[in-house]
Amino acid sequence: MKIEKELLLPGEDTSATFNIKSEMSAGDLAFWGLGVTDEMCRKYSISSLVDYSAVHGDFRCRYFSTKDYPIFLFMEEGKVYMPFAERDYRFRFYGRVRDNYLFGFEQLKRDYEEMIRKGEKRVLTPVFCDSLKDVFLLVRAGLYPLYKRSETQKLTEEQKDIISKCARNTLELFESKNV
């Protein structure tokens, strides 16, 4: 990753800015896994960034994505994901951090409401996962990934209600660290 730093001038705008690619590159899609398409990424509001800038202390820092160092933006929550950064710097939030945000819930809810509108009778299968890398593996299998921001996060009543209405069962996919 390439970083440029400039001294912040008095009165300068301090909001983060994002330069979003019009389409994900083949390398960006390959990061997410075999068979992942730009359409899948759009459905889950994941974009690839050319670069983004943010203020840190007295500096405006501009972070550039490279072939070997992709940077992604989760647009629903204003979260930047730099998968190859040091652990403490992989995620940065630049939007409004919503309590009890559940990644994938809006897609599950939208598809459930569409199914009801069409009068279809099928079961949607939500899967709680603890790794973002698992998201598209689950999508390709026709499942609905749900990813909590933290292990202690509680579901809202709306989330519980929609999940219980559209699923007979929910699954939980754990990342094994002992393999």
N, C-alpha and C. Protein backbone atom coordinates (compact mmCIF):
# COMPACT_ATOMS: atom_id res chain seq x y z
N MET A 1 0.85 -1.17 0.00
CA MET A 1 0.00 0.00 0.00
C MET A 1 0.89 1.23 0.00
N LYS A 2 0.47 2.20 -0.72
CA LYS A 2 1.17 3.47 -0.79
C LYS A 2 0.39 4.48 0.05
N ILE A 3 1.11 5.29 0.84
CA ILE A 3 0.48 6.32 1.68
C ILE A 3 1.16 7.65 1.41
N GLU A 4 0.35 8.69 1.25
CA GLU A 4 0.85 10.06 1.15
C GLU A 4 0.31 10.83 2.34
N LYS A 5 1.15 11.68 2.95
CA LYS A 5 0.73 12.50 4.08
C LYS A 5 0.93 13.97 3.75
N GLU A 6 -0.07 14.78 4.11
CA GLU A 6 0.03 16.22 3.96
C GLU A 6 -0.40 16.86 5.26
N LEU A 7 0.28 17.93 5.64
CA LEU A 7 -0.09 18.66 6.84
C LEU A 7 -1.48 19.25 6.65
N LEU A 8 -2.33 19.09 7.63
CA LEU A 8 -3.69 19.61 7.58
C LEU A 8 -3.66 21.12 7.77
N LEU A 9 -4.30 21.84 6.89
CA LEU A 9 -4.34 23.30 6.96
C LEU A 9 -5.49 23.73 7.86
N PRO A 10 -5.35 24.86 8.56
CA PRO A 10 -6.44 25.36 9.41
C PRO A 10 -7.72 25.57 8.60
N GLY A 11 -8.84 25.08 9.12
CA GLY A 11 -10.13 25.24 8.46
C GLY A 11 -10.39 24.26 7.33
N GLU A 12 -9.44 23.39 7.05
CA GLU A 12 -9.62 22.42 5.96
C GLU A 12 -10.66 21.36 6.35
N ASP A 13 -11.41 20.90 5.37
CA ASP A 13 -12.41 19.85 5.58
C ASP A 13 -11.73 18.60 6.13
N THR A 14 -12.28 18.04 7.18
CA THR A 14 -11.66 16.87 7.81
C THR A 14 -12.42 15.57 7.54
N SER A 15 -13.43 15.63 6.68
CA SER A 15 -14.18 14.40 6.40
C SER A 15 -13.36 13.48 5.50
N ALA A 16 -13.61 12.18 5.62
CA ALA A 16 -12.95 11.18 4.79
C ALA A 16 -13.54 11.24 3.38
N THR A 17 -12.70 10.97 2.38
CA THR A 17 -13.17 10.90 1.00
C THR A 17 -12.76 9.56 0.40
N PHE A 18 -13.58 9.06 -0.51
CA PHE A 18 -13.37 7.74 -1.09
C PHE A 18 -13.42 7.84 -2.61
N ASN A 19 -12.41 7.28 -3.28
CA ASN A 19 -12.36 7.22 -4.73
C ASN A 19 -12.67 5.76 -5.11
N ILE A 20 -13.91 5.50 -5.48
CA ILE A 20 -14.41 4.14 -5.71
C ILE A 20 -14.19 3.73 -7.17
N LYS A 21 -13.70 2.50 -7.36
CA LYS A 21 -13.54 1.95 -8.71
C LYS A 21 -14.93 1.71 -9.31
N SER A 22 -15.06 1.89 -10.61
CA SER A 22 -16.36 1.65 -11.26
C SER A 22 -16.71 0.16 -11.25
N GLU A 23 -15.71 -0.69 -11.30
CA GLU A 23 -15.90 -2.14 -11.21
C GLU A 23 -14.73 -2.73 -10.45
N MET A 24 -14.98 -3.85 -9.81
CA MET A 24 -13.89 -4.55 -9.13
C MET A 24 -12.96 -5.16 -10.18
N SER A 25 -11.68 -5.11 -9.92
CA SER A 25 -10.71 -5.73 -10.82
C SER A 25 -10.75 -7.24 -10.61
N ALA A 26 -10.15 -7.97 -11.52
CA ALA A 26 -10.06 -9.43 -11.38
C ALA A 26 -9.33 -9.79 -10.09
N GLY A 27 -8.31 -9.03 -9.74
CA GLY A 27 -7.57 -9.28 -8.51
C GLY A 27 -8.41 -9.03 -7.26
N ASP A 28 -9.22 -7.98 -7.29
CA ASP A 28 -10.12 -7.68 -6.17
C ASP A 28 -11.11 -8.83 -5.97
N LEU A 29 -11.71 -9.28 -7.07
CA LEU A 29 -12.66 -10.38 -6.99
C LEU A 29 -11.99 -11.67 -6.54
N ALA A 30 -10.77 -11.91 -7.01
CA ALA A 30 -10.04 -13.12 -6.61
C ALA A 30 -9.77 -13.13 -5.11
N PHE A 31 -9.56 -11.95 -4.52
CA PHE A 31 -9.36 -11.90 -3.07
C PHE A 31 -10.54 -12.54 -2.34
N TRP A 32 -11.77 -12.25 -2.81
CA TRP A 32 -12.96 -12.75 -2.14
C TRP A 32 -13.21 -14.22 -2.41
N GLY A 33 -12.66 -14.76 -3.49
CA GLY A 33 -12.78 -16.19 -3.74
C GLY A 33 -13.29 -16.51 -5.13
N LEU A 34 -13.10 -17.74 -5.52
CA LEU A 34 -13.49 -18.24 -6.82
C LEU A 34 -15.00 -18.05 -7.06
N GLY A 35 -15.34 -17.53 -8.21
CA GLY A 35 -16.74 -17.39 -8.57
C GLY A 35 -17.42 -16.13 -8.07
N VAL A 36 -16.70 -15.27 -7.36
CA VAL A 36 -17.29 -14.02 -6.87
C VAL A 36 -17.39 -13.04 -8.03
N THR A 37 -18.54 -12.39 -8.13
CA THR A 37 -18.77 -11.45 -9.23
C THR A 37 -18.94 -10.03 -8.68
N ASP A 38 -18.81 -9.09 -9.59
CA ASP A 38 -19.02 -7.69 -9.24
C ASP A 38 -20.47 -7.50 -8.76
N GLU A 39 -21.41 -8.22 -9.36
CA GLU A 39 -22.81 -8.13 -8.97
C GLU A 39 -23.01 -8.57 -7.51
N MET A 40 -22.34 -9.64 -7.10
CA MET A 40 -22.44 -10.10 -5.70
C MET A 40 -21.93 -9.01 -4.76
N CYS A 41 -20.82 -8.40 -5.13
CA CYS A 41 -20.25 -7.35 -4.29
C CYS A 41 -21.20 -6.16 -4.20
N ARG A 42 -21.81 -5.79 -5.32
CA ARG A 42 -22.77 -4.68 -5.30
C ARG A 42 -23.97 -5.00 -4.41
N LYS A 43 -24.47 -6.25 -4.47
CA LYS A 43 -25.62 -6.64 -3.65
C LYS A 43 -25.31 -6.43 -2.17
N TYR A 44 -24.07 -6.70 -1.76
CA TYR A 44 -23.69 -6.56 -0.36
C TYR A 44 -22.99 -5.22 -0.08
N SER A 45 -23.10 -4.28 -1.03
CA SER A 45 -22.58 -2.91 -0.88
C SER A 45 -21.10 -2.87 -0.56
N ILE A 46 -20.35 -3.74 -1.23
CA ILE A 46 -18.89 -3.75 -1.07
C ILE A 46 -18.28 -3.19 -2.35
N SER A 47 -17.48 -2.16 -2.20
CA SER A 47 -16.81 -1.54 -3.34
C SER A 47 -15.30 -1.63 -3.15
N SER A 48 -14.61 -1.59 -4.25
CA SER A 48 -13.15 -1.55 -4.22
C SER A 48 -12.73 -0.09 -4.39
N LEU A 49 -11.72 0.30 -3.65
CA LEU A 49 -11.27 1.69 -3.70
C LEU A 49 -9.99 1.84 -4.51
N VAL A 50 -9.92 2.91 -5.27
CA VAL A 50 -8.67 3.32 -5.90
C VAL A 50 -7.79 3.88 -4.77
N ASP A 51 -8.42 4.74 -3.94
CA ASP A 51 -7.75 5.31 -2.78
C ASP A 51 -8.79 5.95 -1.88
N TYR A 52 -8.36 6.31 -0.70
CA TYR A 52 -9.21 7.10 0.18
C TYR A 52 -8.31 7.96 1.04
N SER A 53 -8.89 9.06 1.54
CA SER A 53 -8.11 9.93 2.42
C SER A 53 -8.89 10.18 3.70
N ALA A 54 -8.13 10.33 4.76
CA ALA A 54 -8.73 10.58 6.08
C ALA A 54 -7.74 11.38 6.91
N VAL A 55 -8.28 12.10 7.86
CA VAL A 55 -7.44 12.91 8.75
C VAL A 55 -7.05 12.08 9.97
N HIS A 56 -5.77 12.09 10.25
CA HIS A 56 -5.23 11.44 11.44
C HIS A 56 -4.30 12.44 12.11
N GLY A 57 -4.74 12.94 13.26
CA GLY A 57 -3.95 13.96 13.96
C GLY A 57 -3.89 15.23 13.14
N ASP A 58 -2.67 15.71 12.88
CA ASP A 58 -2.47 16.94 12.13
C ASP A 58 -2.27 16.70 10.63
N PHE A 59 -2.51 15.48 10.18
CA PHE A 59 -2.24 15.14 8.78
C PHE A 59 -3.45 14.57 8.07
N ARG A 60 -3.54 14.87 6.78
CA ARG A 60 -4.47 14.18 5.90
C ARG A 60 -3.65 13.09 5.24
N CYS A 61 -4.07 11.85 5.45
CA CYS A 61 -3.38 10.70 4.88
C CYS A 61 -4.20 10.15 3.72
N ARG A 62 -3.52 9.85 2.63
CA ARG A 62 -4.18 9.27 1.47
C ARG A 62 -3.60 7.88 1.27
N TYR A 63 -4.49 6.88 1.29
CA TYR A 63 -4.11 5.48 1.19
C TYR A 63 -4.48 4.97 -0.20
N PHE A 64 -3.52 4.42 -0.91
CA PHE A 64 -3.73 3.93 -2.26
C PHE A 64 -3.78 2.41 -2.29
N SER A 65 -4.78 1.89 -2.97
CA SER A 65 -4.88 0.45 -3.19
C SER A 65 -3.86 0.06 -4.26
N THR A 66 -3.29 -1.12 -4.12
CA THR A 66 -2.40 -1.65 -5.15
C THR A 66 -2.85 -3.06 -5.51
N LYS A 67 -2.22 -3.62 -6.51
CA LYS A 67 -2.56 -4.98 -6.93
C LYS A 67 -2.41 -5.98 -5.78
N ASP A 68 -1.38 -5.79 -4.97
CA ASP A 68 -1.11 -6.70 -3.86
C ASP A 68 -1.71 -6.24 -2.54
N TYR A 69 -2.33 -5.09 -2.53
CA TYR A 69 -2.87 -4.52 -1.30
C TYR A 69 -4.22 -3.86 -1.59
N PRO A 70 -5.27 -4.66 -1.76
CA PRO A 70 -6.57 -4.07 -2.05
C PRO A 70 -7.16 -3.36 -0.84
N ILE A 71 -8.00 -2.39 -1.13
CA ILE A 71 -8.74 -1.68 -0.08
C ILE A 71 -10.21 -1.70 -0.49
N PHE A 72 -11.08 -2.09 0.45
CA PHE A 72 -12.50 -2.20 0.17
C PHE A 72 -13.29 -1.27 1.08
N LEU A 73 -14.47 -0.87 0.59
CA LEU A 73 -15.37 -0.03 1.37
C LEU A 73 -16.71 -0.75 1.51
N PHE A 74 -17.14 -0.93 2.75
CA PHE A 74 -18.46 -1.47 3.04
C PHE A 74 -19.36 -0.24 3.18
N MET A 75 -20.08 0.05 2.13
CA MET A 75 -20.78 1.33 2.04
C MET A 75 -21.91 1.48 3.03
N GLU A 76 -22.58 0.40 3.43
CA GLU A 76 -23.70 0.52 4.36
C GLU A 76 -23.28 1.07 5.72
N GLU A 77 -22.03 0.84 6.09
CA GLU A 77 -21.60 1.29 7.41
C GLU A 77 -20.38 2.20 7.39
N GLY A 78 -19.92 2.59 6.19
CA GLY A 78 -18.77 3.49 6.11
C GLY A 78 -17.51 2.88 6.69
N LYS A 79 -17.33 1.58 6.44
CA LYS A 79 -16.18 0.86 6.99
C LYS A 79 -15.19 0.55 5.88
N VAL A 80 -13.94 0.92 6.09
CA VAL A 80 -12.87 0.58 5.17
C VAL A 80 -12.22 -0.71 5.67
N TYR A 81 -12.00 -1.62 4.73
CA TYR A 81 -11.39 -2.92 5.04
C TYR A 81 -10.10 -3.04 4.25
N MET A 82 -8.99 -3.12 4.98
CA MET A 82 -7.68 -3.33 4.38
C MET A 82 -7.19 -4.70 4.87
N PRO A 83 -7.51 -5.77 4.12
CA PRO A 83 -7.28 -7.13 4.60
C PRO A 83 -5.84 -7.48 4.93
N PHE A 84 -4.87 -6.80 4.34
CA PHE A 84 -3.47 -7.15 4.58
C PHE A 84 -2.76 -6.19 5.53
N ALA A 85 -3.52 -5.30 6.14
CA ALA A 85 -2.95 -4.39 7.13
C ALA A 85 -2.72 -5.14 8.45
N GLU A 86 -1.94 -4.55 9.32
CA GLU A 86 -1.77 -5.13 10.65
C GLU A 86 -3.14 -5.24 11.30
N ARG A 87 -3.29 -6.22 12.16
CA ARG A 87 -4.58 -6.55 12.76
C ARG A 87 -5.36 -5.34 13.29
N ASP A 88 -4.70 -4.44 14.01
CA ASP A 88 -5.39 -3.29 14.60
C ASP A 88 -5.81 -2.24 13.57
N TYR A 89 -5.33 -2.36 12.33
CA TYR A 89 -5.62 -1.34 11.31
C TYR A 89 -6.43 -1.88 10.13
N ARG A 90 -6.92 -3.12 10.21
CA ARG A 90 -7.66 -3.72 9.10
C ARG A 90 -8.98 -3.01 8.83
N PHE A 91 -9.65 -2.57 9.89
CA PHE A 91 -10.94 -1.92 9.76
C PHE A 91 -10.86 -0.51 10.29
N ARG A 92 -11.42 0.41 9.52
CA ARG A 92 -11.52 1.80 9.96
C ARG A 92 -12.93 2.28 9.62
N PHE A 93 -13.54 2.94 10.58
CA PHE A 93 -14.90 3.42 10.40
C PHE A 93 -14.89 4.92 10.13
N TYR A 94 -15.59 5.32 9.06
CA TYR A 94 -15.67 6.73 8.70
C TYR A 94 -17.11 7.19 8.55
N GLY A 95 -18.02 6.34 8.88
CA GLY A 95 -19.42 6.72 8.80
C GLY A 95 -20.00 6.74 10.20
N ARG A 96 -21.28 6.68 10.24
CA ARG A 96 -21.99 6.62 11.52
C ARG A 96 -21.97 5.16 11.96
N VAL A 97 -21.32 4.89 13.08
CA VAL A 97 -21.28 3.52 13.59
C VAL A 97 -22.62 3.24 14.26
N ARG A 98 -23.37 2.33 13.66
CA ARG A 98 -24.70 2.02 14.17
C ARG A 98 -24.61 0.88 15.17
N ASP A 99 -25.30 1.03 16.28
CA ASP A 99 -25.38 -0.05 17.25
C ASP A 99 -26.09 -1.22 16.59
N ASN A 100 -25.63 -2.39 16.86
CA ASN A 100 -26.26 -3.63 16.41
C ASN A 100 -26.36 -3.76 14.90
N TYR A 101 -25.42 -3.14 14.16
CA TYR A 101 -25.39 -3.33 12.72
C TYR A 101 -25.05 -4.80 12.43
N LEU A 102 -25.80 -5.42 11.56
CA LEU A 102 -25.61 -6.82 11.21
C LEU A 102 -25.39 -6.91 9.71
N PHE A 103 -24.14 -7.15 9.30
CA PHE A 103 -23.81 -7.25 7.89
C PHE A 103 -24.63 -8.38 7.26
N GLY A 104 -25.27 -8.11 6.13
CA GLY A 104 -26.05 -9.11 5.41
C GLY A 104 -27.53 -9.10 5.76
N PHE A 105 -27.88 -8.42 6.86
CA PHE A 105 -29.28 -8.42 7.29
C PHE A 105 -30.19 -7.73 6.28
N GLU A 106 -29.76 -6.59 5.75
CA GLU A 106 -30.60 -5.85 4.79
C GLU A 106 -30.87 -6.69 3.55
N GLN A 107 -29.88 -7.47 3.09
CA GLN A 107 -30.07 -8.32 1.93
C GLN A 107 -31.05 -9.46 2.24
N LEU A 108 -30.92 -10.06 3.41
CA LEU A 108 -31.85 -11.11 3.84
C LEU A 108 -33.27 -10.56 3.93
N LYS A 109 -33.40 -9.41 4.56
CA LYS A 109 -34.71 -8.77 4.73
C LYS A 109 -35.33 -8.43 3.37
N ARG A 110 -34.53 -7.85 2.48
CA ARG A 110 -35.02 -7.46 1.15
C ARG A 110 -35.49 -8.69 0.37
N ASP A 111 -34.71 -9.77 0.38
CA ASP A 111 -35.09 -10.98 -0.35
C ASP A 111 -36.31 -11.65 0.28
N TYR A 112 -36.40 -11.60 1.61
CA TYR A 112 -37.57 -12.16 2.30
C TYR A 112 -38.84 -11.38 1.91
N GLU A 113 -38.75 -10.06 1.94
CA GLU A 113 -39.91 -9.23 1.57
C GLU A 113 -40.31 -9.44 0.12
N GLU A 114 -39.33 -9.60 -0.77
CA GLU A 114 -39.61 -9.87 -2.18
C GLU A 114 -40.29 -11.23 -2.34
N MET A 115 -39.82 -12.22 -1.60
CA MET A 115 -40.41 -13.56 -1.64
C MET A 115 -41.88 -13.51 -1.19
N ILE A 116 -42.17 -12.79 -0.12
CA ILE A 116 -43.54 -12.65 0.37
C ILE A 116 -44.41 -11.94 -0.67
N ARG A 117 -43.86 -10.87 -1.25
CA ARG A 117 -44.60 -10.10 -2.26
C ARG A 117 -45.00 -10.98 -3.45
N LYS A 118 -44.10 -11.88 -3.85
CA LYS A 118 -44.37 -12.77 -4.98
C LYS A 118 -45.19 -13.99 -4.59
N GLY A 119 -45.43 -14.19 -3.30
CA GLY A 119 -46.18 -15.34 -2.84
C GLY A 119 -45.41 -16.65 -2.89
N GLU A 120 -44.09 -16.55 -2.92
CA GLU A 120 -43.26 -17.75 -2.98
C GLU A 120 -43.21 -18.41 -1.60
N LYS A 121 -43.06 -19.72 -1.62
CA LYS A 121 -42.93 -20.46 -0.37
C LYS A 121 -41.61 -21.23 -0.42
N ARG A 122 -40.57 -20.58 0.05
CA ARG A 122 -39.27 -21.24 0.16
C ARG A 122 -38.62 -20.79 1.45
N VAL A 123 -37.62 -21.49 1.84
CA VAL A 123 -36.93 -21.18 3.09
C VAL A 123 -35.60 -20.53 2.78
N LEU A 124 -35.33 -19.40 3.41
CA LEU A 124 -34.03 -18.76 3.31
C LEU A 124 -33.17 -19.26 4.46
N THR A 125 -31.88 -19.42 4.22
CA THR A 125 -31.02 -19.96 5.26
C THR A 125 -29.95 -18.95 5.65
N PRO A 126 -30.15 -18.26 6.78
CA PRO A 126 -29.12 -17.35 7.27
C PRO A 126 -28.02 -18.13 8.00
N VAL A 127 -26.79 -17.67 7.82
CA VAL A 127 -25.65 -18.31 8.47
C VAL A 127 -24.82 -17.22 9.14
N PHE A 128 -24.67 -17.32 10.45
CA PHE A 128 -23.80 -16.41 11.17
C PHE A 128 -22.36 -16.86 10.95
N CYS A 129 -21.52 -15.95 10.51
CA CYS A 129 -20.11 -16.30 10.29
C CYS A 129 -19.23 -15.31 11.03
N ASP A 130 -18.01 -15.73 11.31
CA ASP A 130 -17.11 -14.83 12.04
C ASP A 130 -15.91 -14.40 11.20
N SER A 131 -16.02 -14.59 9.89
CA SER A 131 -14.95 -14.16 8.99
C SER A 131 -15.57 -13.57 7.73
N LEU A 132 -15.13 -12.39 7.36
CA LEU A 132 -15.64 -11.77 6.14
C LEU A 132 -15.28 -12.58 4.90
N LYS A 133 -14.20 -13.34 4.96
CA LYS A 133 -13.80 -14.16 3.82
C LYS A 133 -14.84 -15.24 3.53
N ASP A 134 -15.65 -15.60 4.52
CA ASP A 134 -16.67 -16.63 4.34
C ASP A 134 -17.93 -16.11 3.66
N VAL A 135 -18.10 -14.80 3.60
CA VAL A 135 -19.33 -14.20 3.10
C VAL A 135 -19.70 -14.74 1.72
N PHE A 136 -18.78 -14.65 0.76
CA PHE A 136 -19.13 -15.03 -0.61
C PHE A 136 -19.14 -16.54 -0.82
N LEU A 137 -18.44 -17.27 0.00
CA LEU A 137 -18.55 -18.73 -0.02
C LEU A 137 -19.99 -19.11 0.28
N LEU A 138 -20.58 -18.45 1.26
CA LEU A 138 -21.97 -18.70 1.64
C LEU A 138 -22.95 -18.20 0.58
N VAL A 139 -22.69 -17.03 0.00
CA VAL A 139 -23.56 -16.48 -1.04
C VAL A 139 -23.59 -17.43 -2.23
N ARG A 140 -22.43 -17.93 -2.65
CA ARG A 140 -22.38 -18.86 -3.80
C ARG A 140 -23.17 -20.13 -3.52
N ALA A 141 -23.29 -20.51 -2.26
CA ALA A 141 -24.04 -21.72 -1.89
C ALA A 141 -25.53 -21.43 -1.72
N GLY A 142 -25.96 -20.19 -1.98
CA GLY A 142 -27.38 -19.84 -1.87
C GLY A 142 -27.81 -19.55 -0.44
N LEU A 143 -26.85 -19.29 0.44
CA LEU A 143 -27.14 -19.00 1.83
C LEU A 143 -27.02 -17.49 2.07
N TYR A 144 -27.43 -17.05 3.24
CA TYR A 144 -27.40 -15.63 3.58
C TYR A 144 -26.43 -15.39 4.74
N PRO A 145 -25.24 -14.87 4.44
CA PRO A 145 -24.28 -14.62 5.50
C PRO A 145 -24.69 -13.45 6.39
N LEU A 146 -24.52 -13.62 7.67
CA LEU A 146 -24.75 -12.56 8.65
C LEU A 146 -23.48 -12.46 9.47
N TYR A 147 -22.99 -11.25 9.60
CA TYR A 147 -21.71 -11.02 10.27
C TYR A 147 -21.88 -9.92 11.30
N LYS A 148 -21.69 -10.27 12.58
CA LYS A 148 -21.80 -9.28 13.66
C LYS A 148 -20.48 -8.54 13.82
N ARG A 149 -20.58 -7.31 14.25
CA ARG A 149 -19.38 -6.50 14.47
C ARG A 149 -18.56 -7.05 15.64
N SER A 150 -19.22 -7.66 16.63
CA SER A 150 -18.49 -8.22 17.77
C SER A 150 -19.23 -9.44 18.29
N GLU A 151 -18.51 -10.27 19.02
CA GLU A 151 -19.10 -11.49 19.58
C GLU A 151 -20.18 -11.19 20.60
N THR A 152 -20.11 -10.06 21.26
CA THR A 152 -21.06 -9.72 22.31
C THR A 152 -22.28 -8.97 21.80
N GLN A 153 -22.29 -8.65 20.52
CA GLN A 153 -23.40 -7.90 19.94
C GLN A 153 -24.70 -8.68 20.07
N LYS A 154 -25.75 -8.00 20.49
CA LYS A 154 -27.08 -8.59 20.61
C LYS A 154 -27.90 -8.21 19.38
N LEU A 155 -28.77 -9.13 18.95
CA LEU A 155 -29.66 -8.84 17.83
C LEU A 155 -30.79 -7.93 18.30
N THR A 156 -31.24 -7.06 17.38
CA THR A 156 -32.39 -6.21 17.69
C THR A 156 -33.66 -7.05 17.56
N GLU A 157 -34.77 -6.52 18.05
CA GLU A 157 -36.04 -7.23 17.93
C GLU A 157 -36.42 -7.40 16.46
N GLU A 158 -36.18 -6.36 15.64
CA GLU A 158 -36.48 -6.48 14.21
C GLU A 158 -35.65 -7.59 13.57
N GLN A 159 -34.36 -7.65 13.89
CA GLN A 159 -33.50 -8.69 13.34
C GLN A 159 -33.99 -10.08 13.75
N LYS A 160 -34.31 -10.25 15.02
CA LYS A 160 -34.82 -11.54 15.50
C LYS A 160 -36.11 -11.91 14.78
N ASP A 161 -37.01 -10.94 14.62
CA ASP A 161 -38.30 -11.18 14.00
C ASP A 161 -38.15 -11.62 12.55
N ILE A 162 -37.39 -10.89 11.76
CA ILE A 162 -37.21 -11.23 10.34
C ILE A 162 -36.50 -12.58 10.20
N ILE A 163 -35.45 -12.79 10.97
CA ILE A 163 -34.72 -14.06 10.87
C ILE A 163 -35.63 -15.23 11.23
N SER A 164 -36.43 -15.09 12.27
CA SER A 164 -37.31 -16.19 12.69
C SER A 164 -38.43 -16.44 11.68
N LYS A 165 -38.87 -15.40 10.97
CA LYS A 165 -39.94 -15.56 9.98
C LYS A 165 -39.44 -16.24 8.70
N CYS A 166 -38.22 -15.96 8.30
CA CYS A 166 -37.78 -16.44 6.99
C CYS A 166 -36.95 -17.72 7.05
N ALA A 167 -36.64 -18.21 8.24
CA ALA A 167 -35.76 -19.38 8.34
C ALA A 167 -36.32 -20.42 9.30
N ARG A 168 -36.21 -21.66 8.90
CA ARG A 168 -36.53 -22.74 9.84
C ARG A 168 -35.39 -22.91 10.84
N ASN A 169 -34.18 -22.75 10.33
CA ASN A 169 -32.98 -22.89 11.16
C ASN A 169 -32.01 -21.79 10.79
N THR A 170 -31.17 -21.45 11.73
CA THR A 170 -30.01 -20.60 11.41
C THR A 170 -28.79 -21.45 11.68
N LEU A 171 -27.75 -21.18 10.94
CA LEU A 171 -26.51 -21.91 11.10
C LEU A 171 -25.44 -20.97 11.61
N GLU A 172 -24.43 -21.53 12.21
CA GLU A 172 -23.30 -20.73 12.65
C GLU A 172 -22.03 -21.38 12.15
N LEU A 173 -21.22 -20.60 11.45
CA LEU A 173 -19.99 -21.08 10.87
C LEU A 173 -18.83 -20.49 11.67
N PHE A 174 -18.09 -21.35 12.34
CA PHE A 174 -16.97 -20.90 13.15
C PHE A 174 -15.67 -21.05 12.38
N GLU A 175 -14.76 -20.13 12.62
CA GLU A 175 -13.44 -20.22 12.03
C GLU A 175 -12.58 -21.03 12.97
N SER A 176 -12.04 -22.13 12.47
CA SER A 176 -11.22 -23.00 13.30
C SER A 176 -9.78 -22.50 13.30
N LYS A 177 -9.26 -22.29 14.47
CA LYS A 177 -7.88 -21.81 14.59
C LYS A 177 -6.92 -22.95 14.93
N ASN A 178 -7.47 -24.15 15.11
CA ASN A 178 -6.65 -25.30 15.52
C ASN A 178 -6.42 -26.30 14.42
N VAL A 179 -6.57 -25.90 13.18
CA VAL A 179 -6.39 -26.84 12.08
C VAL A 179 -4.97 -26.80 11.58
